């Protein structure tokens, strides 16, 4: 039996917004890749899994975990399905695995940035405030700009010069640049991150327990 922690359930919930399917592999790491292959996420978890588990409908699995108040536990002894239960409950759920070949999975080899050109710290309150501003302004783009003095994150619509904007200074720089994301691609677990951007139009968001590689807009 493996007890599933709340933090792991929360991480799986976050990963389900990137891809509703996942293949959990043996070990203490979970990872996912978006259908468009422009968001890759990896996380270290408290649990150690002992077999491949191909989950087609991850949101349903998370909902089943939440049926069991406290810490649900899983039994993976059977190759066709897992059993979900709780130490304090007489009930259990049988959840069948899917065919892993129909699930978009991350590559086997380690993937990282081809270069490290700009970096800054994105604190958790700043990320939270950006999300709130996004819900109000409704603009699609988040751009990191450098003017030779400051680095600034700006919510905007690149295609509309008169769109509402929200901006916040996140660091200092001697360079001038502009890198843009689609906000819909910033599916980040809510915490602070060390952010590194490559001129190859990809960024890494890294914390102690989780890492994301997210594509930038090609015309940044």
Protein backbone atom coordinates (compact mmCIF):
# COMPACT_ATOMS: atom_id res chain seq x y z
CA UNK A 1 0.00 0.00 0.00
CA UNK A 2 1.19 3.50 -0.86
CA UNK A 3 -0.34 6.48 0.95
CA UNK A 4 -0.88 9.45 -1.38
CA UNK A 5 -0.08 12.80 0.27
CA UNK A 6 -2.13 15.96 -0.19
CA UNK A 7 0.86 17.66 -1.84
CA UNK A 8 1.06 14.90 -4.45
CA UNK A 9 -2.69 15.16 -5.10
CA UNK A 10 -2.28 18.93 -5.52
CA UNK A 11 0.61 18.42 -7.95
CA UNK A 12 -1.41 15.89 -9.93
CA UNK A 13 -4.27 18.39 -10.00
CA UNK A 14 -1.90 20.96 -11.47
CA UNK A 15 -0.52 18.46 -13.99
CA UNK A 16 -4.07 17.59 -15.09
CA UNK A 17 -4.44 21.16 -16.36
CA UNK A 18 -1.45 20.51 -18.66
CA UNK A 19 -2.58 17.08 -19.87
CA UNK A 20 -5.60 15.20 -18.55
CA UNK A 21 -3.70 11.92 -19.07
CA UNK A 22 -0.46 10.77 -17.45
CA UNK A 23 1.82 7.76 -17.21
CA UNK A 24 3.26 7.46 -13.70
CA UNK A 25 6.50 5.47 -13.79
CA UNK A 26 8.40 3.60 -11.07
CA UNK A 27 10.24 5.89 -8.68
CA UNK A 28 9.48 9.15 -6.89
CA UNK A 29 9.03 11.46 -9.87
CA UNK A 30 5.93 12.34 -11.87
CA UNK A 31 6.05 14.15 -15.20
CA UNK A 32 3.71 15.28 -17.94
CA UNK A 33 3.75 16.84 -21.40
CA UNK A 34 1.00 18.96 -22.96
CA UNK A 35 -0.77 17.75 -26.09
CA UNK A 36 0.87 20.58 -28.06
CA UNK A 37 4.23 19.59 -26.56
CA UNK A 38 4.89 23.17 -25.46
CA UNK A 39 4.71 22.56 -21.68
CA UNK A 40 6.82 19.95 -19.87
CA UNK A 41 6.50 19.49 -16.11
CA UNK A 42 8.38 17.29 -13.64
CA UNK A 43 7.98 16.96 -9.89
CA UNK A 44 9.57 14.98 -7.08
CA UNK A 45 7.00 13.46 -4.74
CA UNK A 46 7.04 11.87 -1.30
CA UNK A 47 5.80 8.52 -2.59
CA UNK A 48 7.80 5.83 -4.38
CA UNK A 49 5.76 4.05 -7.05
CA UNK A 50 6.58 0.49 -8.03
CA UNK A 51 5.05 0.10 -11.50
CA UNK A 52 3.94 1.96 -14.63
CA UNK A 53 0.43 3.37 -14.22
CA UNK A 54 -1.18 4.73 -17.38
CA UNK A 55 -4.01 7.05 -16.35
CA UNK A 56 -6.23 8.29 -19.18
CA UNK A 57 -8.58 10.41 -17.06
CA UNK A 58 -6.44 12.01 -14.37
CA UNK A 59 -9.16 14.44 -13.13
CA UNK A 60 -11.39 11.43 -12.37
CA UNK A 61 -8.60 9.72 -10.44
CA UNK A 62 -8.04 12.89 -8.39
CA UNK A 63 -11.76 13.09 -7.62
CA UNK A 64 -11.67 9.48 -6.44
CA UNK A 65 -8.69 10.26 -4.20
CA UNK A 66 -10.74 13.07 -2.67
CA UNK A 67 -13.55 10.64 -1.86
CA UNK A 68 -11.33 9.32 0.90
CA UNK A 69 -10.88 12.07 3.47
CA UNK A 70 -7.36 12.37 4.80
CA UNK A 71 -4.79 10.24 3.01
CA UNK A 72 -6.01 7.81 0.37
CA UNK A 73 -3.86 4.77 -0.21
CA UNK A 74 -3.33 2.77 -3.38
CA UNK A 75 -2.59 -0.90 -3.98
CA UNK A 76 -0.75 -1.49 -7.27
CA UNK A 77 -0.24 -5.27 -6.98
CA UNK A 78 -2.54 -5.95 -9.94
CA UNK A 79 -1.27 -5.15 -13.45
CA UNK A 80 -4.68 -4.14 -14.85
CA UNK A 81 -5.87 -1.66 -12.21
CA UNK A 82 -5.13 0.04 -8.93
CA UNK A 83 -7.21 -0.14 -5.76
CA UNK A 84 -7.91 3.04 -3.82
CA UNK A 85 -8.92 2.86 -0.18
CA UNK A 86 -8.43 4.45 3.22
CA UNK A 87 -7.21 2.98 6.48
CA UNK A 88 -10.35 4.22 8.23
CA UNK A 89 -12.85 3.11 5.59
CA UNK A 90 -14.38 -0.17 4.50
CA UNK A 91 -14.92 1.11 0.96
CA UNK A 92 -12.53 0.90 -1.95
CA UNK A 93 -12.39 1.85 -5.61
CA UNK A 94 -11.05 -0.17 -8.51
CA UNK A 95 -9.53 2.12 -11.18
CA UNK A 96 -8.40 0.54 -14.45
CA UNK A 97 -5.28 1.54 -16.32
CA UNK A 98 -5.37 2.64 -19.95
CA UNK A 99 -3.10 1.86 -22.89
CA UNK A 100 0.05 4.00 -22.39
CA UNK A 101 0.52 4.27 -26.16
CA UNK A 102 -2.48 6.61 -26.47
CA UNK A 103 -1.04 9.08 -23.94
CA UNK A 104 1.31 11.91 -24.92
CA UNK A 105 4.38 11.39 -22.71
CA UNK A 106 7.59 13.33 -22.05
CA UNK A 107 10.73 12.09 -23.84
CA UNK A 108 12.85 9.52 -22.04
CA UNK A 109 15.99 11.65 -22.23
CA UNK A 110 16.51 14.62 -19.93
CA UNK A 111 15.47 17.92 -21.52
CA UNK A 112 16.76 21.33 -20.46
CA UNK A 113 17.47 24.79 -21.85
CA UNK A 114 19.90 25.02 -24.79
CA UNK A 115 21.21 28.30 -23.30
CA UNK A 116 20.64 30.47 -20.22
CA UNK A 117 20.32 34.11 -21.26
CA UNK A 118 18.03 35.87 -18.74
CA UNK A 119 17.12 34.92 -15.18
CA UNK A 120 15.02 36.37 -12.37
CA UNK A 121 13.13 35.35 -9.24
CA UNK A 122 9.35 35.13 -9.49
CA UNK A 123 8.04 35.27 -5.94
CA UNK A 124 4.78 33.51 -5.05
CA UNK A 125 2.84 36.73 -4.16
CA UNK A 126 3.88 38.30 -7.49
CA UNK A 127 2.69 35.24 -9.40
CA UNK A 128 -0.60 35.30 -7.50
CA UNK A 129 -1.09 39.00 -8.25
CA UNK A 130 -0.35 38.45 -11.95
CA UNK A 131 -3.03 35.76 -12.05
CA UNK A 132 -5.54 38.08 -10.39
CA UNK A 133 -4.71 40.89 -12.82
CA UNK A 134 -5.04 38.46 -15.76
CA UNK A 135 -8.55 37.49 -14.64
CA UNK A 136 -9.49 41.18 -14.59
CA UNK A 137 -7.67 42.48 -17.68
CA UNK A 138 -8.37 39.44 -19.82
CA UNK A 139 -5.29 39.98 -22.02
CA UNK A 140 -3.48 36.95 -23.49
CA UNK A 141 0.24 37.77 -23.19
CA UNK A 142 2.80 38.05 -20.40
CA UNK A 143 6.01 39.73 -21.57
CA UNK A 144 9.34 40.01 -19.77
CA UNK A 145 11.09 43.17 -20.92
CA UNK A 146 14.48 44.67 -20.13
CA UNK A 147 15.20 48.35 -20.74
CA UNK A 148 18.88 48.38 -19.72
CA UNK A 149 17.99 49.10 -16.12
CA UNK A 150 14.97 47.10 -14.93
CA UNK A 151 13.27 43.84 -15.78
CA UNK A 152 9.51 44.04 -15.87
CA UNK A 153 6.72 41.53 -16.34
CA UNK A 154 3.80 43.03 -18.24
CA UNK A 155 0.37 41.60 -18.93
CA UNK A 156 -0.73 42.89 -22.30
CA UNK A 157 -2.15 42.08 -25.72
CA UNK A 158 0.75 42.25 -28.18
CA UNK A 159 -1.68 42.69 -31.07
CA UNK A 160 -3.52 45.63 -29.51
CA UNK A 161 -1.63 48.82 -28.64
CA UNK A 162 -4.59 50.14 -26.65
CA UNK A 163 -5.16 47.04 -24.48
CA UNK A 164 -5.22 47.29 -20.71
CA UNK A 165 -1.91 46.35 -19.10
CA UNK A 166 -0.55 45.35 -15.70
CA UNK A 167 3.18 45.46 -14.96
CA UNK A 168 5.53 44.66 -12.09
CA UNK A 169 9.31 45.06 -11.76
CA UNK A 170 11.05 41.73 -11.04
CA UNK A 171 14.76 42.61 -11.24
CA UNK A 172 17.59 44.61 -12.74
CA UNK A 173 19.41 44.18 -16.06
CA UNK A 174 21.96 45.91 -18.25
CA UNK A 175 20.38 44.43 -21.39
CA UNK A 176 17.42 45.20 -23.59
CA UNK A 177 15.08 42.35 -24.54
CA UNK A 178 11.50 41.20 -24.78
CA UNK A 179 10.27 37.63 -24.28
CA UNK A 180 6.57 36.77 -24.28
CA UNK A 181 4.44 33.88 -23.05
CA UNK A 182 0.82 33.06 -23.57
CA UNK A 183 -0.74 33.29 -20.11
CA UNK A 184 -2.77 30.18 -20.85
CA UNK A 185 0.52 28.25 -20.95
CA UNK A 186 1.68 29.34 -17.48
CA UNK A 187 0.05 26.43 -15.69
CA UNK A 188 2.25 26.71 -12.62
CA UNK A 189 1.80 25.18 -9.19
CA UNK A 190 1.24 28.19 -6.87
CA UNK A 191 4.63 28.99 -5.31
CA UNK A 192 7.80 30.96 -6.08
CA UNK A 193 10.17 30.08 -8.94
CA UNK A 194 13.66 30.72 -10.22
CA UNK A 195 13.02 31.58 -13.86
CA UNK A 196 15.60 31.21 -16.62
CA UNK A 197 14.94 32.11 -20.26
CA UNK A 198 16.78 30.90 -23.35
CA UNK A 199 17.02 32.83 -26.60
CA UNK A 200 15.84 29.59 -28.19
CA UNK A 201 12.34 30.62 -27.03
CA UNK A 202 11.92 28.35 -24.04
CA UNK A 203 11.89 29.13 -20.31
CA UNK A 204 12.50 27.08 -17.18
CA UNK A 205 10.50 27.68 -14.00
CA UNK A 206 12.16 25.80 -11.15
CA UNK A 207 11.37 25.30 -7.46
CA UNK A 208 12.57 22.73 -4.92
CA UNK A 209 9.98 20.14 -5.85
CA UNK A 210 8.87 20.93 -9.41
CA UNK A 211 10.23 22.17 -12.73
CA UNK A 212 8.47 23.41 -15.86
CA UNK A 213 9.82 24.00 -19.35
CA UNK A 214 7.46 26.32 -21.24
CA UNK A 215 7.71 27.53 -24.82
CA UNK A 216 7.77 31.25 -25.52
CA UNK A 217 5.96 32.88 -28.39
CA UNK A 218 8.04 32.55 -31.60
CA UNK A 219 7.85 36.26 -32.41
CA UNK A 220 9.08 37.41 -28.99
